[in-house]
């Protein structure tokens, strides 16, 4: 599950970069070597952005599921709470990712 979570996260990051690049192509004059019309670029941007958000959400959910599976506590409710809090509460996960990367991802998903 961890590898699947990482795959969702990395592909979401790549799609986000692509959405930014397409947006930059839309914001200025059309490059001479680009054979795509403005409508095609706009359609690509409109499909790339929701896909990026879905990949980010899938990454967060798979990370939470991995944390639930990883915990060794006997009670399911405690394991679910720990996985949810570690993945979705800023600063709760006590590694470097919990202090930096998780709040950045939450901010990116909300904007």
N, C-alpha and C. Protein backbone atom coordinates (compact mmCIF):
# COMPACT_ATOMS: atom_id res chain seq x y z
N UNK A 1 0.82 -1.20 0.00
CA UNK A 1 0.00 0.00 0.00
C UNK A 1 0.86 1.26 0.00
N UNK A 2 2.00 1.19 0.69
CA UNK A 2 2.87 2.36 0.73
C UNK A 2 3.37 2.72 -0.67
N UNK A 3 3.76 1.71 -1.44
CA UNK A 3 4.23 1.99 -2.80
C UNK A 3 3.12 2.56 -3.68
N UNK A 4 1.91 2.08 -3.50
CA UNK A 4 0.78 2.63 -4.25
C UNK A 4 0.51 4.07 -3.84
N UNK A 5 0.63 4.36 -2.55
CA UNK A 5 0.48 5.72 -2.07
C UNK A 5 1.53 6.63 -2.70
N UNK A 6 2.78 6.15 -2.73
CA UNK A 6 3.84 6.94 -3.34
C UNK A 6 3.61 7.13 -4.84
N UNK A 7 3.10 6.11 -5.50
CA UNK A 7 2.82 6.23 -6.94
C UNK A 7 1.74 7.28 -7.20
N UNK A 8 0.69 7.28 -6.38
CA UNK A 8 -0.35 8.30 -6.52
C UNK A 8 0.23 9.70 -6.27
N UNK A 9 1.04 9.82 -5.24
CA UNK A 9 1.62 11.12 -4.91
C UNK A 9 2.55 11.64 -5.98
N UNK A 10 3.42 10.78 -6.48
CA UNK A 10 4.37 11.22 -7.50
C UNK A 10 3.69 11.51 -8.83
N UNK A 11 2.72 10.71 -9.20
CA UNK A 11 2.02 11.00 -10.46
C UNK A 11 1.15 12.26 -10.30
N UNK A 12 0.60 12.50 -9.11
CA UNK A 12 -0.12 13.74 -8.87
C UNK A 12 0.79 14.95 -8.96
N UNK A 13 2.00 14.81 -8.44
CA UNK A 13 2.98 15.90 -8.53
C UNK A 13 3.35 16.17 -9.98
N UNK A 14 3.53 15.12 -10.76
CA UNK A 14 3.86 15.28 -12.17
C UNK A 14 2.69 15.92 -12.94
N UNK A 15 1.47 15.49 -12.63
CA UNK A 15 0.30 16.09 -13.28
C UNK A 15 0.14 17.55 -12.88
N UNK A 16 0.45 17.88 -11.63
CA UNK A 16 0.36 19.28 -11.19
C UNK A 16 1.36 20.14 -11.95
N UNK A 17 2.57 19.62 -12.13
CA UNK A 17 3.56 20.35 -12.91
C UNK A 17 3.06 20.55 -14.34
N UNK A 18 2.47 19.50 -14.93
CA UNK A 18 1.93 19.62 -16.28
C UNK A 18 0.80 20.64 -16.36
N UNK A 19 -0.05 20.67 -15.35
CA UNK A 19 -1.15 21.65 -15.35
C UNK A 19 -0.60 23.07 -15.28
N UNK A 20 0.44 23.27 -14.50
CA UNK A 20 1.06 24.61 -14.42
C UNK A 20 1.67 24.98 -15.77
N UNK A 21 2.36 24.05 -16.40
CA UNK A 21 2.97 24.34 -17.70
C UNK A 21 1.91 24.66 -18.75
N UNK A 22 0.83 23.92 -18.75
CA UNK A 22 -0.26 24.20 -19.70
C UNK A 22 -0.87 25.56 -19.40
N UNK A 23 -1.04 25.88 -18.13
CA UNK A 23 -1.56 27.20 -17.76
C UNK A 23 -0.64 28.32 -18.21
N UNK A 24 0.67 28.10 -18.10
CA UNK A 24 1.61 29.12 -18.59
C UNK A 24 1.54 29.27 -20.10
N UNK A 25 1.32 28.16 -20.81
CA UNK A 25 1.15 28.24 -22.26
C UNK A 25 -0.11 29.01 -22.63
N UNK A 26 -1.14 28.89 -21.79
CA UNK A 26 -2.39 29.60 -22.07
C UNK A 26 -2.30 31.09 -21.74
N UNK A 27 -1.45 31.45 -20.79
CA UNK A 27 -1.44 32.83 -20.32
C UNK A 27 -0.71 33.78 -21.26
N UNK A 28 0.14 33.26 -22.11
CA UNK A 28 0.89 34.13 -23.00
C UNK A 28 0.53 33.90 -24.45
N UNK A 29 1.32 34.50 -25.34
CA UNK A 29 1.08 34.27 -26.77
C UNK A 29 1.45 32.84 -27.15
N UNK A 30 0.80 32.35 -28.15
CA UNK A 30 1.02 30.97 -28.60
C UNK A 30 2.42 30.82 -29.20
N UNK A 31 3.20 29.86 -28.70
CA UNK A 31 4.52 29.64 -29.29
C UNK A 31 4.39 29.20 -30.75
N UNK A 32 5.34 29.62 -31.57
CA UNK A 32 5.27 29.34 -33.00
C UNK A 32 5.37 27.84 -33.30
N UNK A 33 6.13 27.10 -32.52
CA UNK A 33 6.34 25.68 -32.80
C UNK A 33 5.25 24.79 -32.22
N UNK A 34 4.32 25.34 -31.49
CA UNK A 34 3.26 24.54 -30.87
C UNK A 34 2.06 24.45 -31.81
N UNK A 35 1.77 23.25 -32.35
CA UNK A 35 0.69 23.14 -33.33
C UNK A 35 -0.70 23.04 -32.69
N UNK A 36 -0.81 23.14 -31.37
CA UNK A 36 -2.11 22.98 -30.71
C UNK A 36 -2.84 24.30 -30.61
N UNK A 37 -4.13 24.25 -30.83
CA UNK A 37 -4.94 25.46 -30.71
C UNK A 37 -5.18 25.79 -29.24
N UNK A 38 -5.67 26.98 -28.98
CA UNK A 38 -5.96 27.40 -27.61
C UNK A 38 -7.05 26.53 -26.99
N UNK A 39 -8.04 26.12 -27.78
CA UNK A 39 -9.12 25.29 -27.26
C UNK A 39 -8.60 23.93 -26.80
N UNK A 40 -7.67 23.36 -27.53
CA UNK A 40 -7.10 22.06 -27.14
C UNK A 40 -6.30 22.20 -25.85
N UNK A 41 -5.49 23.26 -25.76
CA UNK A 41 -4.72 23.48 -24.53
C UNK A 41 -5.63 23.72 -23.33
N UNK A 42 -6.71 24.46 -23.55
CA UNK A 42 -7.67 24.70 -22.46
C UNK A 42 -8.35 23.41 -22.04
N UNK A 43 -8.71 22.55 -22.97
CA UNK A 43 -9.32 21.26 -22.63
C UNK A 43 -8.34 20.38 -21.85
N UNK A 44 -7.08 20.38 -22.24
CA UNK A 44 -6.06 19.63 -21.50
C UNK A 44 -5.94 20.15 -20.07
N UNK A 45 -5.94 21.46 -19.92
CA UNK A 45 -5.82 22.04 -18.58
C UNK A 45 -7.03 21.68 -17.72
N UNK A 46 -8.21 21.72 -18.31
CA UNK A 46 -9.43 21.41 -17.55
C UNK A 46 -9.52 19.94 -17.15
N UNK A 47 -8.90 19.06 -17.90
CA UNK A 47 -8.91 17.65 -17.50
C UNK A 47 -7.73 17.31 -16.59
N UNK A 48 -6.64 18.03 -16.70
CA UNK A 48 -5.46 17.76 -15.88
C UNK A 48 -5.69 18.18 -14.44
N UNK A 49 -6.32 19.30 -14.20
CA UNK A 49 -6.49 19.79 -12.84
C UNK A 49 -7.35 18.87 -11.97
N UNK A 50 -8.53 18.43 -12.40
CA UNK A 50 -9.30 17.50 -11.55
C UNK A 50 -8.61 16.15 -11.35
N UNK A 51 -7.90 15.70 -12.37
CA UNK A 51 -7.15 14.45 -12.22
C UNK A 51 -6.07 14.61 -11.16
N UNK A 52 -5.41 15.75 -11.15
CA UNK A 52 -4.39 16.02 -10.13
C UNK A 52 -5.00 16.00 -8.74
N UNK A 53 -6.15 16.61 -8.57
CA UNK A 53 -6.80 16.61 -7.25
C UNK A 53 -7.21 15.21 -6.84
N UNK A 54 -7.69 14.41 -7.79
CA UNK A 54 -8.06 13.03 -7.46
C UNK A 54 -6.83 12.21 -7.07
N UNK A 55 -5.72 12.42 -7.74
CA UNK A 55 -4.49 11.70 -7.38
C UNK A 55 -3.99 12.12 -6.00
N UNK A 56 -4.11 13.40 -5.68
CA UNK A 56 -3.70 13.88 -4.35
C UNK A 56 -4.58 13.26 -3.27
N UNK A 57 -5.87 13.21 -3.51
CA UNK A 57 -6.78 12.61 -2.53
C UNK A 57 -6.51 11.11 -2.38
N UNK A 58 -6.25 10.42 -3.50
CA UNK A 58 -5.93 9.00 -3.44
C UNK A 58 -4.63 8.76 -2.68
N UNK A 59 -3.66 9.64 -2.87
CA UNK A 59 -2.39 9.54 -2.15
C UNK A 59 -2.62 9.66 -0.65
N UNK A 60 -3.40 10.65 -0.24
CA UNK A 60 -3.66 10.84 1.20
C UNK A 60 -4.44 9.66 1.79
N UNK A 61 -5.44 9.17 1.07
CA UNK A 61 -6.22 8.05 1.57
C UNK A 61 -5.40 6.76 1.66
N UNK A 62 -4.56 6.52 0.67
CA UNK A 62 -3.71 5.33 0.73
C UNK A 62 -2.67 5.44 1.83
N UNK A 63 -2.17 6.64 2.07
CA UNK A 63 -1.23 6.84 3.17
C UNK A 63 -1.91 6.57 4.50
N UNK A 64 -3.14 7.07 4.65
CA UNK A 64 -3.89 6.80 5.89
C UNK A 64 -4.18 5.31 6.04
N UNK A 65 -4.54 4.64 4.95
CA UNK A 65 -4.80 3.20 5.02
C UNK A 65 -3.54 2.43 5.39
N UNK A 66 -2.41 2.86 4.87
CA UNK A 66 -1.13 2.21 5.23
C UNK A 66 -0.83 2.40 6.71
N UNK A 67 -1.11 3.58 7.22
CA UNK A 67 -0.87 3.82 8.65
C UNK A 67 -1.81 2.99 9.52
N UNK A 68 -3.05 2.81 9.10
CA UNK A 68 -3.98 1.96 9.84
C UNK A 68 -3.50 0.52 9.82
N UNK A 69 -3.02 0.07 8.69
CA UNK A 69 -2.52 -1.30 8.58
C UNK A 69 -1.23 -1.49 9.38
N UNK A 70 -0.42 -0.45 9.46
CA UNK A 70 0.88 -0.53 10.12
C UNK A 70 0.77 -0.55 11.64
N UNK A 71 -0.23 0.15 12.18
CA UNK A 71 -0.36 0.21 13.64
C UNK A 71 -0.62 -1.17 14.22
N UNK A 72 -0.15 -1.39 15.44
CA UNK A 72 -0.29 -2.71 16.08
C UNK A 72 -1.27 -2.70 17.23
N UNK A 73 -1.97 -1.60 17.42
CA UNK A 73 -2.95 -1.55 18.51
C UNK A 73 -4.09 -2.52 18.21
N UNK A 74 -4.67 -3.11 19.24
CA UNK A 74 -5.72 -4.10 18.99
C UNK A 74 -7.06 -3.51 18.55
N UNK A 75 -7.39 -2.33 19.02
CA UNK A 75 -8.73 -1.77 18.74
C UNK A 75 -8.75 -1.07 17.38
N UNK A 76 -9.77 -1.40 16.57
CA UNK A 76 -9.91 -0.80 15.25
C UNK A 76 -10.14 0.70 15.32
N UNK A 77 -10.95 1.13 16.28
CA UNK A 77 -11.24 2.56 16.38
C UNK A 77 -9.97 3.37 16.64
N UNK A 78 -9.11 2.85 17.49
CA UNK A 78 -7.86 3.56 17.77
C UNK A 78 -6.95 3.56 16.54
N UNK A 79 -6.92 2.46 15.81
CA UNK A 79 -6.11 2.40 14.60
C UNK A 79 -6.63 3.34 13.53
N UNK A 80 -7.95 3.41 13.37
CA UNK A 80 -8.54 4.34 12.39
C UNK A 80 -8.26 5.78 12.77
N UNK A 81 -8.41 6.10 14.05
CA UNK A 81 -8.14 7.47 14.50
C UNK A 81 -6.68 7.83 14.28
N UNK A 82 -5.76 6.92 14.61
CA UNK A 82 -4.33 7.21 14.44
C UNK A 82 -3.99 7.41 12.97
N UNK A 83 -4.52 6.58 12.08
CA UNK A 83 -4.27 6.74 10.65
C UNK A 83 -4.85 8.02 10.10
N UNK A 84 -6.07 8.35 10.51
CA UNK A 84 -6.70 9.59 10.05
C UNK A 84 -5.93 10.80 10.55
N UNK A 85 -5.59 10.81 11.83
CA UNK A 85 -4.89 11.96 12.41
C UNK A 85 -3.50 12.12 11.79
N UNK A 86 -2.79 11.01 11.60
CA UNK A 86 -1.45 11.11 11.01
C UNK A 86 -1.48 11.63 9.59
N UNK A 87 -2.50 11.27 8.83
CA UNK A 87 -2.55 11.66 7.42
C UNK A 87 -3.21 13.01 7.18
N UNK A 88 -4.17 13.40 8.03
CA UNK A 88 -4.97 14.58 7.71
C UNK A 88 -4.88 15.73 8.71
N UNK A 89 -4.27 15.53 9.87
CA UNK A 89 -4.14 16.62 10.85
C UNK A 89 -2.72 17.18 10.74
N UNK A 90 -2.59 18.46 10.39
CA UNK A 90 -1.25 19.04 10.22
C UNK A 90 -0.43 18.94 11.51
N UNK A 91 0.80 18.46 11.38
CA UNK A 91 1.70 18.38 12.50
C UNK A 91 1.53 17.16 13.39
N UNK A 92 0.52 16.34 13.17
CA UNK A 92 0.28 15.19 14.04
C UNK A 92 1.28 14.07 13.78
N UNK A 93 1.59 13.83 12.51
CA UNK A 93 2.57 12.80 12.14
C UNK A 93 3.95 13.33 12.53
N UNK A 94 4.65 12.63 13.40
CA UNK A 94 5.82 13.20 14.06
C UNK A 94 7.14 13.00 13.33
N UNK A 95 7.11 12.83 12.03
CA UNK A 95 8.37 12.77 11.28
C UNK A 95 8.54 14.08 10.52
N UNK A 96 9.58 14.15 9.71
CA UNK A 96 9.79 15.34 8.89
C UNK A 96 8.65 15.57 7.92
N UNK A 97 8.06 14.47 7.41
CA UNK A 97 6.94 14.60 6.49
C UNK A 97 5.73 15.19 7.19
N UNK A 98 5.55 14.85 8.46
CA UNK A 98 4.41 15.38 9.19
C UNK A 98 4.51 16.86 9.47
N UNK A 99 5.72 17.34 9.58
CA UNK A 99 5.90 18.76 9.89
C UNK A 99 5.94 19.64 8.64
N UNK A 100 6.36 19.09 7.52
CA UNK A 100 6.56 19.91 6.32
C UNK A 100 5.66 19.48 5.16
N UNK A 101 5.78 18.23 4.74
CA UNK A 101 5.14 17.80 3.50
C UNK A 101 3.63 17.68 3.63
N UNK A 102 3.13 17.16 4.73
CA UNK A 102 1.68 16.97 4.87
C UNK A 102 0.95 18.32 4.89
N UNK A 103 1.40 19.34 5.66
CA UNK A 103 0.72 20.64 5.56
C UNK A 103 0.83 21.28 4.18
N UNK A 104 1.95 21.09 3.49
CA UNK A 104 2.07 21.62 2.13
C UNK A 104 1.09 20.95 1.18
N UNK A 105 0.93 19.62 1.30
CA UNK A 105 -0.03 18.91 0.47
C UNK A 105 -1.46 19.32 0.76
N UNK A 106 -1.77 19.53 2.03
CA UNK A 106 -3.12 19.96 2.39
C UNK A 106 -3.39 21.37 1.85
N UNK A 107 -2.40 22.22 1.90
CA UNK A 107 -2.57 23.57 1.35
C UNK A 107 -2.75 23.52 -0.15
N UNK A 108 -1.99 22.66 -0.82
CA UNK A 108 -2.12 22.55 -2.28
C UNK A 108 -3.50 22.00 -2.67
N UNK A 109 -4.00 21.04 -1.89
CA UNK A 109 -5.31 20.46 -2.20
C UNK A 109 -6.43 21.46 -1.98
N UNK A 110 -6.25 22.36 -0.99
CA UNK A 110 -7.32 23.31 -0.68
C UNK A 110 -7.30 24.52 -1.61
N UNK A 111 -6.19 24.74 -2.33
CA UNK A 111 -6.17 25.92 -3.19
C UNK A 111 -6.53 25.62 -4.61
